[in-house]
Structures are given as structure tokens and as C-alpha cells.
């Protein structure tokens, strides 16, 4: 792939997501070389946690992180990443503490949307909140998805809606419903075809193909490794020649600088994983960077358009260590 092709694909992706300015110079400088992981050393960072929600806020040019679980307590703090360091925010209003929430940037309204999750005391929630760069506001839509945690969420730039799929309701109630958020209310969709019930699937919008991509998850009887795409109307199962091993609790984001989705880690059939894969719209390719994060599950990931890199934070390693490291792919 040439540098020019990457630049065009990246600019189109950012424009589709409501991000002005095209691909940043940082992304262009490295676009002709093979992407790799680099560990960052911010002066300030959130405490170690897993299952935090994270998304890029294009309105402020920062990555936003909320909540998670530190091994003993559910968290309700809000942090932003400016490309160099993390800063703790002190909003006037904030969602209750939780982990396993779903979050995505809604380019149509210029706000970050958060839904559901769990906090132990009340296992699963069904509230909707939006972040405007300064504070959180609870929304009270006329219609809302049932309570759930571990659902998958992404902004579908082709339809201008936030898409939510599946998750775990009360107890062993696995879900396979598809909902869209239009900035005011939720609408349940009725696709002709749909992935079967699961939680912890990785999902992100692929701007190069204008589809939402979903991979893997856990259906309580098997660790899944299937790939699905959402075209705004229905789900279609893909059958790539090569595919990552089945997993759930993996991290995934669209890398606009290369026009590929990036998938990292998660829980496989017998162990926690630390492999990196990319999706080009047709097939998966395993990457083998010399430097990479430790294997982990439930890490937070988002594409930082300001720096042209995919940011990964935290998670839990195979030795049950809850980490607070920050990594960049690009």
C-alpha cells in the first residue's frame, strides 16, 4: 500500500467520523513503515483497572476513559488523554461507578455516549449518559435497551447512529439484539440475520468499507471466533481465509492511518492472549511486532486521531496483575 493511498483512506475515515483536519502529520510520517507497538510514559495516568470504557472524543481531540474495576472496587472516574499524558477530569455530574459499560463517540451530536455496565451491587445497568467534553449528562430516552453489561458498541458513520449489540443481561441471560442511538432515543433493529447471543465481543467501525465489524465473544458454551459486519440494515457473517483464534474480552479499534482494524489480546479457549491482528475488510492478518504489550484481557482501546495512533490502556495479565500502562500502535 502506498503512502498516498493510506493518506486518502485515513482522511476519508476521519471525515466520516466527524473529525476535521484529515490525517495528522504524526500518522503521515510513519505511514510508509510497518506499524508497531510503543510503550508510552505519561507523567500522570489512571490507576490500574480492567473493563474500563474508552472512546475518542473528536470534539475535544482527546481520548476519554471512564470507570472500570481495580480488583476490589468499581470505579467512576473520568480521564482524558491528550496525546502526551492523562488528566483526571472533575465533572459536575458523573455516571455511577461501573465496569463493563459500552461507549462510543457520536459524531452526529458531538458527544460521547455511554450505556449500561455493572457495579456488583446492581449487576447490570440500563442508563444512558453523554459526555460533552466538560461534564456527563444522563439521558432519558423514550425507548432504551434492556439492562446489560459486556455489550459491544460502535459509531456507524454510514448511518449516523451509534450501534449496540448483545451483552449479558440478568444472570445467564445472553443477548443478541441490535439497537441504534440517534442522539435522542434508542431504536431496536430487526435484522434478517444476526450473530447469536454473546458477551464481550470486539466491535469497531471500519471506515474503509463503511461497515461495523464484530469479532468473537463468549456464549457461555464456547469461545467464539466468527467475524460479522453490519451494513446499517442487517448483519452478514464473513468467512475470511485467515482468522484470529476465538476469544472474548479483546480490544479493537479502527486505525485510520492504515485503513485497518487492530485487534489485541483477550481471553482464548485456554489462556489470556497477547497477539495483534489487523482486518483489511476481507481477511485477518497476524502482526508480529518486536515490541508489544503483555498479554491481557479487558483492556481499553481507542484510535487517537490527534496523533494518528491506536491507544491501549490497562487490563489484566495472565498472572492476575491489573496494569496501568499506556501503549500506542502506529
C-alpha atoms as a PDB file:
ATOM      1  CA  UNK A   1       0.000   0.000   0.000  1.00  0.00           C
ATOM      2  CA  UNK A   2       1.425   3.421  -0.944  1.00  0.00           C
ATOM      3  CA  UNK A   3       1.646   6.420   1.335  1.00  0.00           C
ATOM      4  CA  UNK A   4      -0.865   8.313  -0.848  1.00  0.00           C
ATOM      5  CA  UNK A   5      -3.426   5.510  -0.580  1.00  0.00           C
ATOM      6  CA  UNK A   6      -3.087   5.437   3.200  1.00  0.00           C
ATOM      7  CA  UNK A   7      -3.490   9.211   3.432  1.00  0.00           C
ATOM      8  CA  UNK A   8      -6.671   9.176   1.339  1.00  0.00           C
ATOM      9  CA  UNK A   9      -8.180   6.279   3.285  1.00  0.00           C
ATOM     10  CA  UNK A  10      -7.301   7.886   6.608  1.00  0.00           C
ATOM     11  CA  UNK A  11      -8.708  11.279   5.668  1.00  0.00           C
ATOM     12  CA  UNK A  12     -11.953   9.718   4.467  1.00  0.00           C
ATOM     13  CA  UNK A  13     -12.264   7.728   7.683  1.00  0.00           C
ATOM     14  CA  UNK A  14     -11.778  10.768   9.860  1.00  0.00           C
ATOM     15  CA  UNK A  15     -14.230  12.831   7.826  1.00  0.00           C
ATOM     16  CA  UNK A  16     -16.823  10.069   8.099  1.00  0.00           C
ATOM     17  CA  UNK A  17     -16.499  10.121  11.863  1.00  0.00           C
ATOM     18  CA  UNK A  18     -16.834  13.875  12.072  1.00  0.00           C
ATOM     19  CA  UNK A  19     -13.151  14.550  12.679  1.00  0.00           C
ATOM     20  CA  UNK A  20     -11.881  17.610  10.885  1.00  0.00           C
ATOM     21  CA  UNK A  21      -8.379  18.103   9.595  1.00  0.00           C
ATOM     22  CA  UNK A  22      -7.618  14.775   7.928  1.00  0.00           C
ATOM     23  CA  UNK A  23      -4.758  12.519   8.950  1.00  0.00           C
ATOM     24  CA  UNK A  24      -2.326  14.186  11.371  1.00  0.00           C
ATOM     25  CA  UNK A  25       1.299  14.695  10.400  1.00  0.00           C
ATOM     26  CA  UNK A  26       2.384  12.171  13.021  1.00  0.00           C
ATOM     27  CA  UNK A  27       0.441   9.494  11.180  1.00  0.00           C
ATOM     28  CA  UNK A  28       1.798  10.504   7.767  1.00  0.00           C
ATOM     29  CA  UNK A  29       5.378  10.400   8.995  1.00  0.00           C
ATOM     30  CA  UNK A  30       5.126   6.741   9.897  1.00  0.00           C
ATOM     31  CA  UNK A  31       2.618   5.540   7.307  1.00  0.00           C
ATOM     32  CA  UNK A  32       5.232   4.087   4.951  1.00  0.00           C
ATOM     33  CA  UNK A  33       6.739   1.845   7.609  1.00  0.00           C
ATOM     34  CA  UNK A  34       5.319  -1.181   9.389  1.00  0.00           C
ATOM     35  CA  UNK A  35       3.146  -0.267  12.355  1.00  0.00           C
ATOM     36  CA  UNK A  36       4.301  -1.463  15.764  1.00  0.00           C
ATOM     37  CA  UNK A  37       3.584  -1.017  19.465  1.00  0.00           C
ATOM     38  CA  UNK A  38       5.384   1.539  21.641  1.00  0.00           C
ATOM     39  CA  UNK A  39       5.039   1.842  25.400  1.00  0.00           C
ATOM     40  CA  UNK A  40       4.387   5.417  26.473  1.00  0.00           C
ATOM     41  CA  UNK A  41       5.476   7.067  29.702  1.00  0.00           C
ATOM     42  CA  UNK A  42       2.894   9.723  30.618  1.00  0.00           C
ATOM     43  CA  UNK A  43       3.618  11.917  33.651  1.00  0.00           C
ATOM     44  CA  UNK A  44       0.138  11.171  35.002  1.00  0.00           C
ATOM     45  CA  UNK A  45      -2.143   8.221  34.330  1.00  0.00           C
ATOM     46  CA  UNK A  46      -5.237   6.461  35.713  1.00  0.00           C
ATOM     47  CA  UNK A  47      -4.764   3.795  38.348  1.00  0.00           C
ATOM     48  CA  UNK A  48      -4.665   0.171  37.209  1.00  0.00           C
ATOM     49  CA  UNK A  49      -8.014  -1.205  36.082  1.00  0.00           C
ATOM     50  CA  UNK A  50      -9.772  -3.593  33.766  1.00  0.00           C
ATOM     51  CA  UNK A  51     -13.088  -3.352  31.914  1.00  0.00           C
ATOM     52  CA  UNK A  52     -12.991   0.454  31.603  1.00  0.00           C
ATOM     53  CA  UNK A  53     -14.903   2.194  28.797  1.00  0.00           C
ATOM     54  CA  UNK A  54     -12.907   4.307  26.336  1.00  0.00           C
ATOM     55  CA  UNK A  55     -13.559   6.318  23.159  1.00  0.00           C
ATOM     56  CA  UNK A  56     -12.015   9.154  21.146  1.00  0.00           C
ATOM     57  CA  UNK A  57     -13.831  12.468  21.616  1.00  0.00           C
ATOM     58  CA  UNK A  58     -13.396  14.254  18.278  1.00  0.00           C
ATOM     59  CA  UNK A  59     -14.998  17.426  19.621  1.00  0.00           C
ATOM     60  CA  UNK A  60     -12.146  17.961  22.080  1.00  0.00           C
ATOM     61  CA  UNK A  61      -9.408  15.962  20.339  1.00  0.00           C
ATOM     62  CA  UNK A  62      -8.906  13.738  23.380  1.00  0.00           C
ATOM     63  CA  UNK A  63      -9.390  10.088  24.293  1.00  0.00           C
ATOM     64  CA  UNK A  64     -11.907   9.691  27.146  1.00  0.00           C
ATOM     65  CA  UNK A  65     -11.750   6.854  29.699  1.00  0.00           C
ATOM     66  CA  UNK A  66     -14.418   6.096  32.286  1.00  0.00           C
ATOM     67  CA  UNK A  67     -14.660   3.691  35.222  1.00  0.00           C
ATOM     68  CA  UNK A  68     -13.584   0.065  35.350  1.00  0.00           C
ATOM     69  CA  UNK A  69     -12.667  -2.353  38.140  1.00  0.00           C
ATOM     70  CA  UNK A  70      -9.408  -2.276  40.124  1.00  0.00           C
ATOM     71  CA  UNK A  71      -9.721  -5.720  41.688  1.00  0.00           C
ATOM     72  CA  UNK A  72     -11.584  -4.579  44.777  1.00  0.00           C
ATOM     73  CA  UNK A  73     -13.637  -1.534  43.809  1.00  0.00           C
ATOM     74  CA  UNK A  74     -15.737  -0.373  40.909  1.00  0.00           C
ATOM     75  CA  UNK A  75     -14.544   2.987  39.618  1.00  0.00           C
ATOM     76  CA  UNK A  76     -16.400   6.083  38.433  1.00  0.00           C
ATOM     77  CA  UNK A  77     -13.608   8.490  37.489  1.00  0.00           C
ATOM     78  CA  UNK A  78     -13.189  10.218  34.132  1.00  0.00           C
ATOM     79  CA  UNK A  79      -9.800  10.703  32.461  1.00  0.00           C
ATOM     80  CA  UNK A  80      -8.699  12.256  29.167  1.00  0.00           C
ATOM     81  CA  UNK A  81      -5.612  11.553  27.054  1.00  0.00           C
ATOM     82  CA  UNK A  82      -4.222  14.478  25.042  1.00  0.00           C
ATOM     83  CA  UNK A  83      -1.585  12.547  23.121  1.00  0.00           C
ATOM     84  CA  UNK A  84       1.096  13.075  25.770  1.00  0.00           C
ATOM     85  CA  UNK A  85      -0.390  12.484  29.199  1.00  0.00           C
ATOM     86  CA  UNK A  86      -3.581  11.626  31.081  1.00  0.00           C
ATOM     87  CA  UNK A  87      -5.569  14.220  33.029  1.00  0.00           C
ATOM     88  CA  UNK A  88      -8.233  13.417  35.609  1.00  0.00           C
ATOM     89  CA  UNK A  89     -11.454  15.319  34.999  1.00  0.00           C
ATOM     90  CA  UNK A  90     -13.806  16.598  37.673  1.00  0.00           C
ATOM     91  CA  UNK A  91     -17.234  16.823  36.057  1.00  0.00           C
ATOM     92  CA  UNK A  92     -20.124  18.354  37.982  1.00  0.00           C
ATOM     93  CA  UNK A  93     -22.188  15.260  37.195  1.00  0.00           C
ATOM     94  CA  UNK A  94     -20.983  11.736  36.545  1.00  0.00           C
ATOM     95  CA  UNK A  95     -22.416   8.234  35.975  1.00  0.00           C
ATOM     96  CA  UNK A  96     -22.387   5.885  38.970  1.00  0.00           C
ATOM     97  CA  UNK A  97     -19.319   3.649  39.322  1.00  0.00           C
ATOM     98  CA  UNK A  98     -19.217   0.682  36.945  1.00  0.00           C
ATOM     99  CA  UNK A  99     -17.259  -1.653  34.716  1.00  0.00           C
ATOM    100  CA  UNK A 100     -18.256  -3.383  31.506  1.00  0.00           C
ATOM    101  CA  UNK A 101     -20.049  -0.334  30.119  1.00  0.00           C
ATOM    102  CA  UNK A 102     -20.303   0.315  26.373  1.00  0.00           C
ATOM    103  CA  UNK A 103     -19.029   3.626  24.984  1.00  0.00           C
ATOM    104  CA  UNK A 104     -18.614   5.319  21.599  1.00  0.00           C
ATOM    105  CA  UNK A 105     -18.288   8.812  20.129  1.00  0.00           C
ATOM    106  CA  UNK A 106     -21.463  10.021  18.434  1.00  0.00           C
ATOM    107  CA  UNK A 107     -20.236  12.289  15.623  1.00  0.00           C
ATOM    108  CA  UNK A 108     -23.809  13.345  14.808  1.00  0.00           C
ATOM    109  CA  UNK A 109     -24.179  15.092  18.178  1.00  0.00           C
ATOM    110  CA  UNK A 110     -20.523  15.671  19.063  1.00  0.00           C
ATOM    111  CA  UNK A 111     -20.836  13.763  22.339  1.00  0.00           C
ATOM    112  CA  UNK A 112     -19.509  10.523  23.801  1.00  0.00           C
ATOM    113  CA  UNK A 113     -22.298   8.034  24.608  1.00  0.00           C
ATOM    114  CA  UNK A 114     -22.092   5.538  27.489  1.00  0.00           C
ATOM    115  CA  UNK A 115     -24.591   2.748  28.166  1.00  0.00           C
ATOM    116  CA  UNK A 116     -25.079   0.146  30.888  1.00  0.00           C
ATOM    117  CA  UNK A 117     -22.419  -1.933  32.601  1.00  0.00           C
ATOM    118  CA  UNK A 118     -22.324  -3.395  36.090  1.00  0.00           C
ATOM    119  CA  UNK A 119     -21.166  -2.392  39.567  1.00  0.00           C
ATOM    120  CA  UNK A 120     -21.560  -5.523  41.655  1.00  0.00           C
ATOM    121  CA  UNK A 121     -24.363  -4.211  43.848  1.00  0.00           C
ATOM    122  CA  UNK A 122     -26.686  -3.736  40.893  1.00  0.00           C
ATOM    123  CA  UNK A 123     -25.201  -6.309  38.489  1.00  0.00           C
ATOM    124  CA  UNK A 124     -26.340  -4.710  35.249  1.00  0.00           C
ATOM    125  CA  UNK A 125     -27.475  -1.204  34.378  1.00  0.00           C
ATOM    126  CA  UNK A 126     -29.541   0.321  31.584  1.00  0.00           C
ATOM    127  CA  UNK A 127     -28.819   4.022  31.861  1.00  0.00           C
ATOM    128  CA  UNK A 128     -27.605   6.248  29.015  1.00  0.00           C
ATOM    129  CA  UNK A 129     -25.139   9.099  29.591  1.00  0.00           C
ATOM    130  CA  UNK A 130     -23.411  11.589  27.289  1.00  0.00           C
ATOM    131  CA  UNK A 131     -20.107  13.433  27.730  1.00  0.00           C
ATOM    132  CA  UNK A 132     -19.791  16.895  26.162  1.00  0.00           C
ATOM    133  CA  UNK A 133     -16.126  17.449  26.963  1.00  0.00           C
ATOM    134  CA  UNK A 134     -16.852  19.022  30.333  1.00  0.00           C
ATOM    135  CA  UNK A 135     -19.488  17.010  32.158  1.00  0.00           C
ATOM    136  CA  UNK A 136     -21.734  13.962  31.951  1.00  0.00           C
ATOM    137  CA  UNK A 137     -25.494  14.250  31.407  1.00  0.00           C
ATOM    138  CA  UNK A 138     -27.923  11.415  31.995  1.00  0.00           C
ATOM    139  CA  UNK A 139     -30.308  10.954  29.105  1.00  0.00           C
ATOM    140  CA  UNK A 140     -33.880   9.751  29.499  1.00  0.00           C
ATOM    141  CA  UNK A 141     -34.824   8.295  26.117  1.00  0.00           C
ATOM    142  CA  UNK A 142     -38.400   7.213  25.418  1.00  0.00           C
ATOM    143  CA  UNK A 143     -37.086   3.763  24.486  1.00  0.00           C
ATOM    144  CA  UNK A 144     -33.994   2.048  25.831  1.00  0.00           C
ATOM    145  CA  UNK A 145     -32.274  -1.361  25.564  1.00  0.00           C
ATOM    146  CA  UNK A 146     -32.810  -3.752  28.496  1.00  0.00           C
ATOM    147  CA  UNK A 147     -30.193  -3.858  31.244  1.00  0.00           C
ATOM    148  CA  UNK A 148     -26.836  -5.342  30.251  1.00  0.00           C
ATOM    149  CA  UNK A 149     -23.084  -5.369  30.655  1.00  0.00           C
ATOM    150  CA  UNK A 150     -20.370  -6.517  28.274  1.00  0.00           C
ATOM    151  CA  UNK A 151     -22.243  -5.309  25.202  1.00  0.00           C
ATOM    152  CA  UNK A 152     -20.453  -4.152  22.045  1.00  0.00           C
ATOM    153  CA  UNK A 153     -20.789  -0.579  20.769  1.00  0.00           C
ATOM    154  CA  UNK A 154     -19.513   1.484  17.835  1.00  0.00           C
ATOM    155  CA  UNK A 155     -20.492   4.587  15.878  1.00  0.00           C
ATOM    156  CA  UNK A 156     -21.755   3.766  12.395  1.00  0.00           C
ATOM    157  CA  UNK A 157     -20.722   6.768  10.288  1.00  0.00           C
ATOM    158  CA  UNK A 158     -22.624   5.435   7.263  1.00  0.00           C
ATOM    159  CA  UNK A 159     -25.975   5.834   9.070  1.00  0.00           C
ATOM    160  CA  UNK A 160     -25.008   8.468  11.636  1.00  0.00           C
ATOM    161  CA  UNK A 161     -26.065   6.264  14.548  1.00  0.00           C
ATOM    162  CA  UNK A 162     -24.414   4.504  17.480  1.00  0.00           C
ATOM    163  CA  UNK A 163     -24.853   0.718  17.235  1.00  0.00           C
ATOM    164  CA  UNK A 164     -25.120  -1.544  20.302  1.00  0.00           C
ATOM    165  CA  UNK A 165     -25.139  -5.338  20.143  1.00  0.00           C
ATOM    166  CA  UNK A 166     -25.639  -8.165  22.629  1.00  0.00           C
ATOM    167  CA  UNK A 167     -24.150  -8.413  26.097  1.00  0.00           C
ATOM    168  CA  UNK A 168     -25.153 -10.122  29.319  1.00  0.00           C
ATOM    169  CA  UNK A 169     -28.447  -9.262  30.988  1.00  0.00           C
ATOM    170  CA  UNK A 170     -29.501 -10.612  34.363  1.00  0.00           C
ATOM    171  CA  UNK A 171     -27.762 -13.817  35.404  1.00  0.00           C
ATOM    172  CA  UNK A 172     -27.080 -16.067  32.425  1.00  0.00           C
ATOM    173  CA  UNK A 173     -29.284 -14.051  30.088  1.00  0.00           C
ATOM    174  CA  UNK A 174     -27.136 -13.619  26.984  1.00  0.00           C
ATOM    175  CA  UNK A 175     -28.478 -11.194  24.386  1.00  0.00           C
ATOM    176  CA  UNK A 176     -28.323 -10.907  20.592  1.00  0.00           C
ATOM    177  CA  UNK A 177     -30.387  -7.804  19.990  1.00  0.00           C
ATOM    178  CA  UNK A 178     -29.223  -4.818  17.921  1.00  0.00           C
ATOM    179  CA  UNK A 179     -30.055  -1.238  18.926  1.00  0.00           C
ATOM    180  CA  UNK A 180     -29.213   2.165  17.442  1.00  0.00           C
ATOM    181  CA  UNK A 181     -28.943   5.557  19.149  1.00  0.00           C
ATOM    182  CA  UNK A 182     -29.849   8.619  17.073  1.00  0.00           C
ATOM    183  CA  UNK A 183     -28.871  11.246  19.636  1.00  0.00           C
ATOM    184  CA  UNK A 184     -32.314  11.308  21.243  1.00  0.00           C
ATOM    185  CA  UNK A 185     -33.569   7.768  21.706  1.00  0.00           C
ATOM    186  CA  UNK A 186     -32.765   4.102  21.169  1.00  0.00           C
ATOM    187  CA  UNK A 187     -34.439   2.013  18.449  1.00  0.00           C
ATOM    188  CA  UNK A 188     -34.366  -1.773  18.345  1.00  0.00           C
ATOM    189  CA  UNK A 189     -33.470  -3.065  14.906  1.00  0.00           C
ATOM    190  CA  UNK A 190     -34.848  -6.217  13.283  1.00  0.00           C
ATOM    191  CA  UNK A 191     -32.057  -7.533  11.029  1.00  0.00           C
ATOM    192  CA  UNK A 192     -32.807 -10.535   8.823  1.00  0.00           C
ATOM    193  CA  UNK A 193     -29.595 -12.155  10.052  1.00  0.00           C
ATOM    194  CA  UNK A 194     -27.763 -11.635  13.322  1.00  0.00           C
ATOM    195  CA  UNK A 195     -24.876 -13.092  15.346  1.00  0.00           C
ATOM    196  CA  UNK A 196     -26.108 -15.456  18.024  1.00  0.00           C
ATOM    197  CA  UNK A 197     -26.125 -14.298  21.693  1.00  0.00           C
ATOM    198  CA  UNK A 198     -22.781 -13.375  23.273  1.00  0.00           C
ATOM    199  CA  UNK A 199     -20.945 -11.016  25.568  1.00  0.00           C
ATOM    200  CA  UNK A 200     -17.503  -9.476  25.334  1.00  0.00           C
ATOM    201  CA  UNK A 201     -17.316  -9.334  21.535  1.00  0.00           C
ATOM    202  CA  UNK A 202     -14.923  -6.801  19.997  1.00  0.00           C
ATOM    203  CA  UNK A 203     -16.591  -4.238  17.725  1.00  0.00           C
ATOM    204  CA  UNK A 204     -15.493  -1.176  15.743  1.00  0.00           C
ATOM    205  CA  UNK A 205     -16.485   0.815  12.664  1.00  0.00           C
ATOM    206  CA  UNK A 206     -14.420   0.079   9.570  1.00  0.00           C
ATOM    207  CA  UNK A 207     -14.399   3.360   7.640  1.00  0.00           C
ATOM    208  CA  UNK A 208     -12.650   1.755   4.667  1.00  0.00           C
ATOM    209  CA  UNK A 209     -15.673  -0.494   3.991  1.00  0.00           C
ATOM    210  CA  UNK A 210     -18.362   1.617   5.728  1.00  0.00           C
ATOM    211  CA  UNK A 211     -19.388  -1.303   7.927  1.00  0.00           C
ATOM    212  CA  UNK A 212     -19.358  -2.101  11.632  1.00  0.00           C
ATOM    213  CA  UNK A 213     -17.198  -5.177  12.303  1.00  0.00           C
ATOM    214  CA  UNK A 214     -17.806  -7.582  15.194  1.00  0.00           C
ATOM    215  CA  UNK A 215     -15.433 -10.362  16.213  1.00  0.00           C
ATOM    216  CA  UNK A 216     -15.687 -13.207  18.716  1.00  0.00           C
ATOM    217  CA  UNK A 217     -17.229 -13.173  22.174  1.00  0.00           C
ATOM    218  CA  UNK A 218     -18.365 -15.735  24.722  1.00  0.00           C
ATOM    219  CA  UNK A 219     -21.701 -17.563  24.545  1.00  0.00           C
ATOM    220  CA  UNK A 220     -21.139 -19.478  27.833  1.00  0.00           C
ATOM    221  CA  UNK A 221     -20.624 -22.742  25.936  1.00  0.00           C
ATOM    222  CA  UNK A 222     -17.845 -21.755  23.562  1.00  0.00           C
ATOM    223  CA  UNK A 223     -15.251 -19.063  22.942  1.00  0.00           C
ATOM    224  CA  UNK A 224     -16.198 -17.604  19.567  1.00  0.00           C
ATOM    225  CA  UNK A 225     -14.000 -16.626  16.622  1.00  0.00           C
ATOM    226  CA  UNK A 226     -16.523 -15.546  13.988  1.00  0.00           C
ATOM    227  CA  UNK A 227     -16.465 -12.246  12.081  1.00  0.00           C
ATOM    228  CA  UNK A 228     -19.641 -10.286  11.274  1.00  0.00           C
ATOM    229  CA  UNK A 229     -20.331  -6.977   9.525  1.00  0.00           C
ATOM    230  CA  UNK A 230     -23.279  -4.586   9.977  1.00  0.00           C
ATOM    231  CA  UNK A 231     -24.280  -2.527   6.932  1.00  0.00           C
ATOM    232  CA  UNK A 232     -26.925  -0.401   8.633  1.00  0.00           C
ATOM    233  CA  UNK A 233     -29.718  -2.883   7.919  1.00  0.00           C
ATOM    234  CA  UNK A 234     -28.538  -6.403   8.667  1.00  0.00           C
ATOM    235  CA  UNK A 235     -25.613  -8.498   9.861  1.00  0.00           C
ATOM    236  CA  UNK A 236     -23.564 -10.661   7.471  1.00  0.00           C
ATOM    237  CA  UNK A 237     -21.167 -13.358   8.601  1.00  0.00           C
ATOM    238  CA  UNK A 238     -17.796 -13.146   6.901  1.00  0.00           C
ATOM    239  CA  UNK A 239     -15.639 -16.161   6.083  1.00  0.00           C
ATOM    240  CA  UNK A 240     -12.054 -14.887   5.858  1.00  0.00           C
ATOM    241  CA  UNK A 241      -9.294 -17.237   4.726  1.00  0.00           C
ATOM    242  CA  UNK A 242      -7.374 -16.429   7.906  1.00  0.00           C
ATOM    243  CA  UNK A 243      -8.833 -15.524  11.271  1.00  0.00           C
ATOM    244  CA  UNK A 244      -7.652 -14.986  14.858  1.00  0.00           C
ATOM    245  CA  UNK A 245      -8.250 -17.809  17.337  1.00  0.00           C
ATOM    246  CA  UNK A 246     -11.560 -17.460  19.178  1.00  0.00           C
ATOM    247  CA  UNK A 247     -11.603 -15.025  22.094  1.00  0.00           C
ATOM    248  CA  UNK A 248     -13.631 -12.624  24.172  1.00  0.00           C
ATOM    249  CA  UNK A 249     -12.704  -9.533  26.215  1.00  0.00           C
ATOM    250  CA  UNK A 250     -10.343  -8.470  23.403  1.00  0.00           C
ATOM    251  CA  UNK A 251      -9.683  -4.839  22.429  1.00  0.00           C
ATOM    252  CA  UNK A 252     -10.331  -3.477  18.926  1.00  0.00           C
ATOM    253  CA  UNK A 253     -10.230  -0.097  17.143  1.00  0.00           C
ATOM    254  CA  UNK A 254     -10.059   1.277  13.600  1.00  0.00           C
ATOM    255  CA  UNK A 255      -6.636   2.628  12.649  1.00  0.00           C
ATOM    256  CA  UNK A 256      -7.387   5.443  10.188  1.00  0.00           C
ATOM    257  CA  UNK A 257      -3.677   5.875   9.421  1.00  0.00           C
ATOM    258  CA  UNK A 258      -3.521   2.424   7.787  1.00  0.00           C
ATOM    259  CA  UNK A 259      -7.185   1.794   6.974  1.00  0.00           C
ATOM    260  CA  UNK A 260      -7.241  -1.402   9.043  1.00  0.00           C
ATOM    261  CA  UNK A 261      -8.893  -2.572  12.236  1.00  0.00           C
ATOM    262  CA  UNK A 262      -6.490  -3.537  15.033  1.00  0.00           C
ATOM    263  CA  UNK A 263      -7.355  -6.367  17.440  1.00  0.00           C
ATOM    264  CA  UNK A 264      -5.326  -7.173  20.546  1.00  0.00           C
ATOM    265  CA  UNK A 265      -5.418  -9.812  23.282  1.00  0.00           C
ATOM    266  CA  UNK A 266      -8.467 -11.141  25.080  1.00  0.00           C
ATOM    267  CA  UNK A 267      -9.339 -14.489  26.643  1.00  0.00           C
ATOM    268  CA  UNK A 268      -8.866 -17.546  24.418  1.00  0.00           C
ATOM    269  CA  UNK A 269     -10.027 -21.100  24.988  1.00  0.00           C
ATOM    270  CA  UNK A 270      -7.216 -21.883  27.420  1.00  0.00           C
ATOM    271  CA  UNK A 271      -5.322 -18.677  28.208  1.00  0.00           C
ATOM    272  CA  UNK A 272      -5.157 -14.905  28.083  1.00  0.00           C
ATOM    273  CA  UNK A 273      -3.732 -13.741  24.764  1.00  0.00           C
ATOM    274  CA  UNK A 274      -1.223 -11.093  23.688  1.00  0.00           C
ATOM    275  CA  UNK A 275      -1.357 -11.305  19.898  1.00  0.00           C
ATOM    276  CA  UNK A 276      -2.049  -8.464  17.450  1.00  0.00           C
ATOM    277  CA  UNK A 277      -4.234  -8.870  14.340  1.00  0.00           C
ATOM    278  CA  UNK A 278      -5.389  -6.482  11.620  1.00  0.00           C
ATOM    279  CA  UNK A 279      -8.541  -6.635   9.441  1.00  0.00           C
ATOM    280  CA  UNK A 280      -8.374  -5.142   5.950  1.00  0.00           C
ATOM    281  CA  UNK A 281     -12.043  -5.571   5.056  1.00  0.00           C
ATOM    282  CA  UNK A 282     -11.529  -9.049   3.621  1.00  0.00           C
ATOM    283  CA  UNK A 283      -9.192 -11.026   5.827  1.00  0.00           C
ATOM    284  CA  UNK A 284      -7.327 -11.026   9.120  1.00  0.00           C
ATOM    285  CA  UNK A 285      -3.521 -10.861   9.254  1.00  0.00           C
ATOM    286  CA  UNK A 286      -1.476 -11.628  12.342  1.00  0.00           C
ATOM    287  CA  UNK A 287       1.140  -8.987  13.068  1.00  0.00           C
ATOM    288  CA  UNK A 288       4.423  -9.839  14.778  1.00  0.00           C
ATOM    289  CA  UNK A 289       5.832  -6.634  16.254  1.00  0.00           C
ATOM    290  CA  UNK A 290       9.104  -6.945  18.138  1.00  0.00           C
ATOM    291  CA  UNK A 291       7.738  -4.789  20.951  1.00  0.00           C
ATOM    292  CA  UNK A 292       4.219  -5.326  22.219  1.00  0.00           C
ATOM    293  CA  UNK A 293       2.088  -5.134  25.383  1.00  0.00           C
ATOM    294  CA  UNK A 294       1.940  -8.054  27.758  1.00  0.00           C
ATOM    295  CA  UNK A 295      -0.919 -10.484  27.204  1.00  0.00           C
ATOM    296  CA  UNK A 296      -4.099  -9.134  28.807  1.00  0.00           C
ATOM    297  CA  UNK A 297      -7.872  -9.130  28.880  1.00  0.00           C
ATOM    298  CA  UNK A 298     -10.415  -6.326  29.206  1.00  0.00           C
ATOM    299  CA  UNK A 299      -8.012  -3.547  28.208  1.00  0.00           C
ATOM    300  CA  UNK A 300      -9.442  -0.275  26.884  1.00  0.00           C
ATOM    301  CA  UNK A 301      -8.665   0.778  23.305  1.00  0.00           C
ATOM    302  CA  UNK A 302      -9.456   3.735  21.018  1.00  0.00           C
ATOM    303  CA  UNK A 303      -7.997   5.433  17.947  1.00  0.00           C
ATOM    304  CA  UNK A 304      -6.461   8.812  18.781  1.00  0.00           C
ATOM    305  CA  UNK A 305      -6.952  10.885  15.617  1.00  0.00           C
ATOM    306  CA  UNK A 306      -4.886  13.740  17.039  1.00  0.00           C
ATOM    307  CA  UNK A 307      -1.719  11.606  16.984  1.00  0.00           C
ATOM    308  CA  UNK A 308      -2.708   9.011  14.385  1.00  0.00           C
ATOM    309  CA  UNK A 309      -2.198   6.113  16.778  1.00  0.00           C
ATOM    310  CA  UNK A 310      -4.329   3.456  18.447  1.00  0.00           C
ATOM    311  CA  UNK A 311      -4.144   3.836  22.246  1.00  0.00           C
ATOM    312  CA  UNK A 312      -4.411   0.858  24.602  1.00  0.00           C
ATOM    313  CA  UNK A 313      -4.693   1.212  28.380  1.00  0.00           C
ATOM    314  CA  UNK A 314      -4.739  -1.181  31.328  1.00  0.00           C
ATOM    315  CA  UNK A 315      -6.352  -4.607  31.581  1.00  0.00           C
ATOM    316  CA  UNK A 316      -5.436  -7.768  33.488  1.00  0.00           C
ATOM    317  CA  UNK A 317      -2.475 -10.028  32.705  1.00  0.00           C
ATOM    318  CA  UNK A 318      -2.359 -13.863  32.890  1.00  0.00           C
ATOM    319  CA  UNK A 319      -0.934 -13.602  36.422  1.00  0.00           C
ATOM    320  CA  UNK A 320      -3.987 -11.583  37.505  1.00  0.00           C
ATOM    321  CA  UNK A 321      -1.999  -8.358  37.652  1.00  0.00           C
ATOM    322  CA  UNK A 322      -4.183  -5.338  36.928  1.00  0.00           C
ATOM    323  CA  UNK A 323      -1.995  -2.909  34.994  1.00  0.00           C
ATOM    324  CA  UNK A 324      -1.984   0.843  34.302  1.00  0.00           C
ATOM    325  CA  UNK A 325       0.314   1.056  31.281  1.00  0.00           C
ATOM    326  CA  UNK A 326      -0.368   3.062  28.119  1.00  0.00           C
ATOM    327  CA  UNK A 327       0.591   1.775  24.658  1.00  0.00           C
ATOM    328  CA  UNK A 328       0.371   3.220  21.161  1.00  0.00           C
ATOM    329  CA  UNK A 329       0.064   1.312  17.885  1.00  0.00           C
ATOM    330  CA  UNK A 330       1.100   3.150  14.759  1.00  0.00           C
END
